[in-house]
Amino acid sequence: MFCENLKTMRKAKGYTQEELAIKLNVVRQTVSKWEKGVSQTKGY
């Protein structure tokens, strides 16, 4: 599932949610929602 993979990969790279958010040009809350499965990506 996307949310589990995202969190696992983020932690494996040693990124905080804030650092990943900056790299993806989104706010930290978006990364948090993705990891919780509250919000999904649009599959771009």
N, C-alpha and C. Protein backbone atom coordinates (compact mmCIF):
# COMPACT_ATOMS: atom_id res chain seq x y z
N MET A 1 0.84 -1.17 0.00
CA MET A 1 0.00 0.00 0.00
C MET A 1 0.89 1.25 0.00
N PHE A 2 0.46 2.28 -0.69
CA PHE A 2 1.26 3.49 -0.85
C PHE A 2 1.68 4.08 0.49
N CYS A 3 0.76 4.21 1.43
CA CYS A 3 1.08 4.88 2.69
C CYS A 3 2.19 4.14 3.45
N GLU A 4 2.15 2.83 3.46
CA GLU A 4 3.17 2.05 4.15
C GLU A 4 4.51 2.15 3.44
N ASN A 5 4.49 2.07 2.11
CA ASN A 5 5.73 2.17 1.34
C ASN A 5 6.38 3.53 1.49
N LEU A 6 5.59 4.58 1.45
CA LEU A 6 6.12 5.93 1.57
C LEU A 6 6.84 6.11 2.91
N LYS A 7 6.19 5.70 3.98
CA LYS A 7 6.78 5.87 5.31
C LYS A 7 8.05 5.04 5.45
N THR A 8 8.03 3.81 4.97
CA THR A 8 9.20 2.94 5.05
C THR A 8 10.36 3.52 4.26
N MET A 9 10.09 3.98 3.05
CA MET A 9 11.15 4.53 2.21
C MET A 9 11.67 5.85 2.77
N ARG A 10 10.80 6.68 3.29
CA ARG A 10 11.22 7.95 3.88
C ARG A 10 12.16 7.70 5.05
N LYS A 11 11.79 6.78 5.91
CA LYS A 11 12.63 6.48 7.08
C LYS A 11 13.95 5.83 6.67
N ALA A 12 13.91 4.98 5.65
CA ALA A 12 15.13 4.32 5.17
C ALA A 12 16.14 5.35 4.65
N LYS A 13 15.64 6.43 4.06
CA LYS A 13 16.50 7.49 3.54
C LYS A 13 16.90 8.48 4.64
N GLY A 14 16.28 8.36 5.81
CA GLY A 14 16.61 9.24 6.92
C GLY A 14 15.97 10.62 6.84
N TYR A 15 14.90 10.74 6.06
CA TYR A 15 14.21 12.03 5.91
C TYR A 15 13.12 12.18 6.96
N THR A 16 12.95 13.40 7.43
CA THR A 16 11.78 13.71 8.24
C THR A 16 10.63 13.99 7.27
N GLN A 17 9.43 14.08 7.79
CA GLN A 17 8.30 14.44 6.93
C GLN A 17 8.52 15.81 6.33
N GLU A 18 9.08 16.72 7.10
CA GLU A 18 9.34 18.08 6.63
C GLU A 18 10.34 18.09 5.47
N GLU A 19 11.41 17.32 5.62
CA GLU A 19 12.43 17.26 4.56
C GLU A 19 11.86 16.67 3.27
N LEU A 20 11.07 15.62 3.41
CA LEU A 20 10.46 15.01 2.24
C LEU A 20 9.47 15.97 1.58
N ALA A 21 8.71 16.66 2.39
CA ALA A 21 7.74 17.63 1.88
C ALA A 21 8.44 18.70 1.04
N ILE A 22 9.56 19.19 1.53
CA ILE A 22 10.31 20.21 0.79
C ILE A 22 10.77 19.65 -0.55
N LYS A 23 11.28 18.43 -0.56
CA LYS A 23 11.75 17.81 -1.80
C LYS A 23 10.61 17.61 -2.81
N LEU A 24 9.41 17.35 -2.30
CA LEU A 24 8.25 17.10 -3.16
C LEU A 24 7.43 18.36 -3.43
N ASN A 25 7.86 19.47 -2.82
CA ASN A 25 7.17 20.75 -3.00
C ASN A 25 5.71 20.70 -2.53
N VAL A 26 5.54 20.09 -1.35
CA VAL A 26 4.22 20.05 -0.70
C VAL A 26 4.44 20.45 0.76
N VAL A 27 3.37 20.66 1.49
CA VAL A 27 3.50 20.96 2.91
C VAL A 27 3.62 19.66 3.71
N ARG A 28 4.19 19.77 4.91
CA ARG A 28 4.42 18.58 5.73
C ARG A 28 3.13 17.83 6.04
N GLN A 29 2.04 18.58 6.21
CA GLN A 29 0.76 17.94 6.53
C GLN A 29 0.32 17.01 5.41
N THR A 30 0.68 17.32 4.18
CA THR A 30 0.33 16.46 3.05
C THR A 30 1.04 15.12 3.18
N VAL A 31 2.32 15.16 3.50
CA VAL A 31 3.09 13.91 3.68
C VAL A 31 2.48 13.10 4.82
N SER A 32 2.12 13.77 5.89
CA SER A 32 1.50 13.09 7.03
C SER A 32 0.20 12.40 6.61
N LYS A 33 -0.63 13.09 5.85
CA LYS A 33 -1.89 12.51 5.40
C LYS A 33 -1.65 11.32 4.47
N TRP A 34 -0.66 11.43 3.59
CA TRP A 34 -0.32 10.31 2.71
C TRP A 34 0.08 9.09 3.53
N GLU A 35 0.91 9.32 4.55
CA GLU A 35 1.40 8.21 5.37
C GLU A 35 0.30 7.59 6.21
N LYS A 36 -0.68 8.38 6.57
CA LYS A 36 -1.82 7.85 7.36
C LYS A 36 -2.89 7.23 6.46
N GLY A 37 -2.77 7.43 5.15
CA GLY A 37 -3.77 6.92 4.24
C GLY A 37 -5.02 7.77 4.19
N VAL A 38 -4.94 8.99 4.73
CA VAL A 38 -6.10 9.90 4.74
C VAL A 38 -6.32 10.51 3.36
N SER A 39 -5.23 10.75 2.66
CA SER A 39 -5.28 11.39 1.35
C SER A 39 -4.44 10.58 0.39
N GLN A 40 -4.90 10.43 -0.83
CA GLN A 40 -4.17 9.67 -1.83
C GLN A 40 -3.61 10.59 -2.89
N THR A 41 -2.54 10.13 -3.55
CA THR A 41 -1.99 10.89 -4.67
C THR A 41 -2.89 10.67 -5.88
N LYS A 42 -2.75 11.51 -6.88
CA LYS A 42 -3.59 11.41 -8.07
C LYS A 42 -2.97 10.53 -9.14
N GLY A 43 -1.83 9.92 -8.87
CA GLY A 43 -1.22 9.01 -9.82
C GLY A 43 -0.63 9.66 -11.04
N TYR A 44 0.00 10.80 -10.86
CA TYR A 44 0.62 11.49 -11.98
C TYR A 44 1.78 10.72 -12.51
